[in-house]
Amino acid sequence: MASLKSHISVKILDDLGVTASAPYYITVDDTQTVASINVLIQDIITDLDAITDGQILSVSLDVDVPLPTVKTAPVTGAEVERGGLFNWSQANVKYKFGILVPAFKKSLIVDGKINLSDAAVIAWNDLMSTIGGHVDWISTGGNLLSAFTDALLVFRKHRKAESRRSYEV
C-alpha cells in the first residue's frame, strides 16, 4: 500500500453571494477504489456542512499520481505557447471540443501543420478515441468525445510566466 498526496477543494457560498475555496490536504491509500474514496469524501463534506453556515457548492479531489518514465528536462527550444489542438466531435451536441497539447513537438510539424500520419500522433488519437474500460474521455460539459475531427497548431500566450523566466533583452 502506498499513500498518494491529495487535496480536497471545497467551494462555499455565503449569504452575500461571495464564494471561497478551502483546500483540505489528505493522503489516499492507492489500493482504495474511487467509490470507497468517494464515500470517505462524502463523510468529510457532511461533517464540514455541520460546522459552516455557508452553502457547499462543489467538491473536487486532486491526487498526485507518480510519473512514469518521462523526460527529465524539456527539449531545447520547447515552448508551452506552441500547442497542438486536437478537436473532437461530442455526443449529443454539434460543437467541437479541443484537447490542447502544450509545447507540441517540433518534429511532428510538417509544413506548418501537425503530421497526422506520425506514429506518436496516431497513438495519441487512438488513446483519445478509446471509449469505455476504465476511462471515458469527455468535454468540460460532460459529453462523450465521439470522433477525431481535425488538429491544428495554435499559439497561446503565457506572458506573465514567460516574463518571469525570460532573460531576453
C-alpha atoms as a PDB file:
ATOM      1  CA  MET A   1       0.000   0.000   0.000  1.00  0.00           C
ATOM      2  CA  ALA A   2       1.263   3.435  -0.936  1.00  0.00           C
ATOM      3  CA  SER A   3      -0.193   6.745   0.121  1.00  0.00           C
ATOM      4  CA  LEU A   4      -0.766   9.349  -2.558  1.00  0.00           C
ATOM      5  CA  LYS A   5      -0.689  13.014  -1.571  1.00  0.00           C
ATOM      6  CA  SER A   6      -4.024  14.598  -2.394  1.00  0.00           C
ATOM      7  CA  HIS A   7      -6.235  17.528  -1.592  1.00  0.00           C
ATOM      8  CA  ILE A   8      -9.936  18.133  -1.465  1.00  0.00           C
ATOM      9  CA  SER A   9     -11.048  21.553  -2.702  1.00  0.00           C
ATOM     10  CA  VAL A  10     -14.408  22.755  -1.396  1.00  0.00           C
ATOM     11  CA  LYS A  11     -16.225  25.783  -2.826  1.00  0.00           C
ATOM     12  CA  ILE A  12     -18.502  27.511  -0.284  1.00  0.00           C
ATOM     13  CA  LEU A  13     -21.049  30.307  -0.896  1.00  0.00           C
ATOM     14  CA  ASP A  14     -22.036  32.830   1.786  1.00  0.00           C
ATOM     15  CA  ASP A  15     -25.256  34.820   2.188  1.00  0.00           C
ATOM     16  CA  LEU A  16     -23.779  37.818   0.330  1.00  0.00           C
ATOM     17  CA  GLY A  17     -23.090  35.744  -2.780  1.00  0.00           C
ATOM     18  CA  VAL A  18     -19.337  35.561  -2.175  1.00  0.00           C
ATOM     19  CA  THR A  19     -17.598  32.232  -2.761  1.00  0.00           C
ATOM     20  CA  ALA A  20     -14.450  30.915  -1.163  1.00  0.00           C
ATOM     21  CA  SER A  21     -12.438  27.802  -1.831  1.00  0.00           C
ATOM     22  CA  ALA A  22     -10.950  25.843   1.025  1.00  0.00           C
ATOM     23  CA  PRO A  23      -8.285  23.174   0.473  1.00  0.00           C
ATOM     24  CA  TYR A  24      -8.032  20.178   2.796  1.00  0.00           C
ATOM     25  CA  TYR A  25      -4.847  18.128   2.402  1.00  0.00           C
ATOM     26  CA  ILE A  26      -5.045  14.359   2.773  1.00  0.00           C
ATOM     27  CA  THR A  27      -3.331  11.148   1.734  1.00  0.00           C
ATOM     28  CA  VAL A  28      -5.178   8.458  -0.214  1.00  0.00           C
ATOM     29  CA  ASP A  29      -4.456   4.731   0.018  1.00  0.00           C
ATOM     30  CA  ASP A  30      -3.722   3.687  -3.576  1.00  0.00           C
ATOM     31  CA  THR A  31      -5.458   0.331  -3.061  1.00  0.00           C
ATOM     32  CA  GLN A  32      -8.842   2.020  -2.493  1.00  0.00           C
ATOM     33  CA  THR A  33     -11.433   2.231  -5.250  1.00  0.00           C
ATOM     34  CA  VAL A  34     -12.812   5.543  -6.457  1.00  0.00           C
ATOM     35  CA  ALA A  35     -16.161   4.530  -4.952  1.00  0.00           C
ATOM     36  CA  SER A  36     -14.680   3.978  -1.480  1.00  0.00           C
ATOM     37  CA  ILE A  37     -12.752   7.270  -1.643  1.00  0.00           C
ATOM     38  CA  ASN A  38     -15.984   8.987  -2.676  1.00  0.00           C
ATOM     39  CA  VAL A  39     -17.731   7.622   0.435  1.00  0.00           C
ATOM     40  CA  LEU A  40     -14.938   8.976   2.650  1.00  0.00           C
ATOM     41  CA  ILE A  41     -15.123  12.395   0.992  1.00  0.00           C
ATOM     42  CA  GLN A  42     -18.919  12.429   1.402  1.00  0.00           C
ATOM     43  CA  ASP A  43     -18.389  11.848   5.142  1.00  0.00           C
ATOM     44  CA  ILE A  44     -15.907  14.731   5.310  1.00  0.00           C
ATOM     45  CA  ILE A  45     -18.289  17.055   3.448  1.00  0.00           C
ATOM     46  CA  THR A  46     -21.246  16.068   5.678  1.00  0.00           C
ATOM     47  CA  ASP A  47     -19.199  16.892   8.792  1.00  0.00           C
ATOM     48  CA  LEU A  48     -17.973  20.149   7.197  1.00  0.00           C
ATOM     49  CA  ASP A  49     -21.551  21.157   6.370  1.00  0.00           C
ATOM     50  CA  ALA A  50     -22.440  20.780  10.058  1.00  0.00           C
ATOM     51  CA  ILE A  51     -19.850  23.422  11.062  1.00  0.00           C
ATOM     52  CA  THR A  52     -20.300  26.015   8.295  1.00  0.00           C
ATOM     53  CA  ASP A  53     -23.138  28.478   7.704  1.00  0.00           C
ATOM     54  CA  GLY A  54     -22.211  28.637   4.027  1.00  0.00           C
ATOM     55  CA  GLN A  55     -23.635  26.520   1.230  1.00  0.00           C
ATOM     56  CA  ILE A  56     -21.213  23.931  -0.138  1.00  0.00           C
ATOM     57  CA  LEU A  57     -21.386  24.324  -3.924  1.00  0.00           C
ATOM     58  CA  SER A  58     -18.805  21.856  -5.151  1.00  0.00           C
ATOM     59  CA  VAL A  59     -16.069  19.486  -4.136  1.00  0.00           C
ATOM     60  CA  SER A  60     -13.127  18.199  -6.135  1.00  0.00           C
ATOM     61  CA  LEU A  61     -10.291  15.813  -5.406  1.00  0.00           C
ATOM     62  CA  ASP A  62      -6.771  16.195  -6.781  1.00  0.00           C
ATOM     63  CA  VAL A  63      -4.495  13.183  -6.412  1.00  0.00           C
ATOM     64  CA  ASP A  64      -0.750  13.401  -7.043  1.00  0.00           C
ATOM     65  CA  VAL A  65      -0.069  10.453  -9.327  1.00  0.00           C
ATOM     66  CA  PRO A  66       3.530   9.205  -9.674  1.00  0.00           C
ATOM     67  CA  LEU A  67       5.022   9.915 -13.097  1.00  0.00           C
ATOM     68  CA  PRO A  68       6.040   7.073 -15.399  1.00  0.00           C
ATOM     69  CA  THR A  69       9.436   7.300 -17.114  1.00  0.00           C
ATOM     70  CA  VAL A  70       9.345  10.629 -18.989  1.00  0.00           C
ATOM     71  CA  LYS A  71      11.832  13.325 -19.990  1.00  0.00           C
ATOM     72  CA  THR A  72      13.862  14.691 -17.083  1.00  0.00           C
ATOM     73  CA  ALA A  73      14.185  18.112 -18.756  1.00  0.00           C
ATOM     74  CA  PRO A  74      12.446  19.943 -21.603  1.00  0.00           C
ATOM     75  CA  VAL A  75      13.864  19.589 -25.096  1.00  0.00           C
ATOM     76  CA  THR A  76      15.915  22.631 -26.129  1.00  0.00           C
ATOM     77  CA  GLY A  77      13.575  25.129 -27.770  1.00  0.00           C
ATOM     78  CA  ALA A  78      10.404  23.694 -26.244  1.00  0.00           C
ATOM     79  CA  GLU A  79       7.753  26.400 -25.706  1.00  0.00           C
ATOM     80  CA  VAL A  80       4.429  25.819 -23.967  1.00  0.00           C
ATOM     81  CA  GLU A  81       2.967  28.610 -26.114  1.00  0.00           C
ATOM     82  CA  ARG A  82       3.244  26.338 -29.177  1.00  0.00           C
ATOM     83  CA  GLY A  83       0.486  23.786 -28.864  1.00  0.00           C
ATOM     84  CA  GLY A  84      -1.241  21.081 -30.803  1.00  0.00           C
ATOM     85  CA  LEU A  85      -5.015  21.345 -30.606  1.00  0.00           C
ATOM     86  CA  PHE A  86      -6.862  18.098 -31.326  1.00  0.00           C
ATOM     87  CA  ASN A  87     -10.569  18.670 -31.997  1.00  0.00           C
ATOM     88  CA  TRP A  88     -13.225  16.050 -31.295  1.00  0.00           C
ATOM     89  CA  SER A  89     -16.922  15.822 -32.007  1.00  0.00           C
ATOM     90  CA  GLN A  90     -19.117  15.355 -28.951  1.00  0.00           C
ATOM     91  CA  ALA A  91     -22.052  13.088 -28.345  1.00  0.00           C
ATOM     92  CA  ASN A  92     -25.380  14.964 -28.295  1.00  0.00           C
ATOM     93  CA  VAL A  93     -24.007  18.406 -29.323  1.00  0.00           C
ATOM     94  CA  LYS A  94     -22.875  19.943 -32.594  1.00  0.00           C
ATOM     95  CA  TYR A  95     -19.813  21.740 -31.188  1.00  0.00           C
ATOM     96  CA  LYS A  96     -16.236  20.500 -31.304  1.00  0.00           C
ATOM     97  CA  PHE A  97     -14.148  20.118 -28.162  1.00  0.00           C
ATOM     98  CA  GLY A  98     -10.403  20.768 -28.321  1.00  0.00           C
ATOM     99  CA  ILE A  99      -7.703  18.899 -26.396  1.00  0.00           C
ATOM    100  CA  LEU A 100      -4.536  21.000 -26.106  1.00  0.00           C
ATOM    101  CA  VAL A 101      -1.029  19.526 -26.024  1.00  0.00           C
ATOM    102  CA  PRO A 102       1.323  22.321 -24.810  1.00  0.00           C
ATOM    103  CA  ALA A 103       4.923  22.524 -26.118  1.00  0.00           C
ATOM    104  CA  PHE A 104       3.932  20.413 -29.125  1.00  0.00           C
ATOM    105  CA  LYS A 105       6.896  18.517 -30.548  1.00  0.00           C
ATOM    106  CA  LYS A 106       8.568  20.458 -33.397  1.00  0.00           C
ATOM    107  CA  SER A 107       9.479  17.299 -35.287  1.00  0.00           C
ATOM    108  CA  LEU A 108       5.768  16.462 -35.622  1.00  0.00           C
ATOM    109  CA  ILE A 109       5.080  19.702 -37.505  1.00  0.00           C
ATOM    110  CA  VAL A 110       5.333  19.428 -41.285  1.00  0.00           C
ATOM    111  CA  ASP A 111       4.702  22.472 -43.497  1.00  0.00           C
ATOM    112  CA  GLY A 112       3.145  24.326 -40.554  1.00  0.00           C
ATOM    113  CA  LYS A 113       0.665  21.535 -39.809  1.00  0.00           C
ATOM    114  CA  ILE A 114       0.516  18.617 -37.395  1.00  0.00           C
ATOM    115  CA  ASN A 115       1.661  15.423 -39.102  1.00  0.00           C
ATOM    116  CA  LEU A 116      -1.388  13.218 -38.563  1.00  0.00           C
ATOM    117  CA  SER A 117       0.342  10.187 -40.096  1.00  0.00           C
ATOM    118  CA  ASP A 118       3.125  10.095 -37.484  1.00  0.00           C
ATOM    119  CA  ALA A 119       3.014   7.016 -35.239  1.00  0.00           C
ATOM    120  CA  ALA A 120       3.041   9.076 -31.990  1.00  0.00           C
ATOM    121  CA  VAL A 121       0.125  11.240 -33.183  1.00  0.00           C
ATOM    122  CA  ILE A 122      -1.807   8.164 -34.306  1.00  0.00           C
ATOM    123  CA  ALA A 123      -1.188   6.538 -30.902  1.00  0.00           C
ATOM    124  CA  TRP A 124      -2.425   9.720 -29.125  1.00  0.00           C
ATOM    125  CA  ASN A 125      -5.600   9.816 -31.230  1.00  0.00           C
ATOM    126  CA  ASP A 126      -6.171   6.089 -30.712  1.00  0.00           C
ATOM    127  CA  LEU A 127      -5.852   6.579 -26.935  1.00  0.00           C
ATOM    128  CA  MET A 128      -8.265   9.529 -27.007  1.00  0.00           C
ATOM    129  CA  SER A 129     -10.800   7.597 -29.088  1.00  0.00           C
ATOM    130  CA  THR A 130     -10.917   4.669 -26.660  1.00  0.00           C
ATOM    131  CA  ILE A 131     -14.385   4.734 -25.158  1.00  0.00           C
ATOM    132  CA  GLY A 132     -15.239   2.529 -22.219  1.00  0.00           C
ATOM    133  CA  GLY A 133     -12.997   0.465 -19.999  1.00  0.00           C
ATOM    134  CA  HIS A 134     -11.504   2.427 -17.119  1.00  0.00           C
ATOM    135  CA  VAL A 135     -11.715   5.949 -18.571  1.00  0.00           C
ATOM    136  CA  ASP A 136     -14.165   7.755 -20.842  1.00  0.00           C
ATOM    137  CA  TRP A 137     -12.913  10.958 -22.451  1.00  0.00           C
ATOM    138  CA  ILE A 138     -15.415  13.795 -22.016  1.00  0.00           C
ATOM    139  CA  SER A 139     -15.684  17.548 -22.632  1.00  0.00           C
ATOM    140  CA  THR A 140     -15.977  20.157 -19.882  1.00  0.00           C
ATOM    141  CA  GLY A 141     -19.749  19.877 -20.416  1.00  0.00           C
ATOM    142  CA  GLY A 142     -19.641  16.153 -19.637  1.00  0.00           C
ATOM    143  CA  ASN A 143     -20.321  14.993 -23.204  1.00  0.00           C
ATOM    144  CA  LEU A 144     -18.508  11.912 -24.502  1.00  0.00           C
ATOM    145  CA  LEU A 145     -15.922  12.663 -27.172  1.00  0.00           C
ATOM    146  CA  SER A 146     -17.142  10.812 -30.254  1.00  0.00           C
ATOM    147  CA  ALA A 147     -14.639  11.096 -33.083  1.00  0.00           C
ATOM    148  CA  PHE A 148     -11.478  12.944 -34.015  1.00  0.00           C
ATOM    149  CA  THR A 149     -12.274  15.767 -36.450  1.00  0.00           C
ATOM    150  CA  ASP A 150      -9.074  17.774 -37.024  1.00  0.00           C
ATOM    151  CA  ALA A 151      -5.881  19.104 -35.496  1.00  0.00           C
ATOM    152  CA  LEU A 152      -4.130  22.423 -35.776  1.00  0.00           C
ATOM    153  CA  LEU A 153      -1.097  24.236 -34.479  1.00  0.00           C
ATOM    154  CA  VAL A 154      -2.012  27.004 -32.025  1.00  0.00           C
ATOM    155  CA  PHE A 155      -0.125  29.620 -30.053  1.00  0.00           C
ATOM    156  CA  ARG A 156      -1.367  30.549 -26.596  1.00  0.00           C
ATOM    157  CA  LYS A 157       0.367  33.403 -24.824  1.00  0.00           C
ATOM    158  CA  HIS A 158       1.747  32.939 -21.329  1.00  0.00           C
ATOM    159  CA  ARG A 159       3.154  36.447 -20.958  1.00  0.00           C
ATOM    160  CA  LYS A 160       3.320  36.651 -17.155  1.00  0.00           C
ATOM    161  CA  ALA A 161       5.055  33.318 -16.740  1.00  0.00           C
ATOM    162  CA  GLU A 162       7.351  33.994 -19.676  1.00  0.00           C
ATOM    163  CA  SER A 163       8.371  37.460 -18.427  1.00  0.00           C
ATOM    164  CA  ARG A 164       9.311  35.997 -15.035  1.00  0.00           C
ATOM    165  CA  ARG A 165      11.558  33.389 -16.657  1.00  0.00           C
ATOM    166  CA  SER A 166      12.866  35.102 -19.799  1.00  0.00           C
ATOM    167  CA  TYR A 167      16.336  36.596 -19.957  1.00  0.00           C
ATOM    168  CA  GLU A 168      15.979  38.101 -23.422  1.00  0.00           C
ATOM    169  CA  VAL A 169      16.579  41.813 -23.782  1.00  0.00           C
END
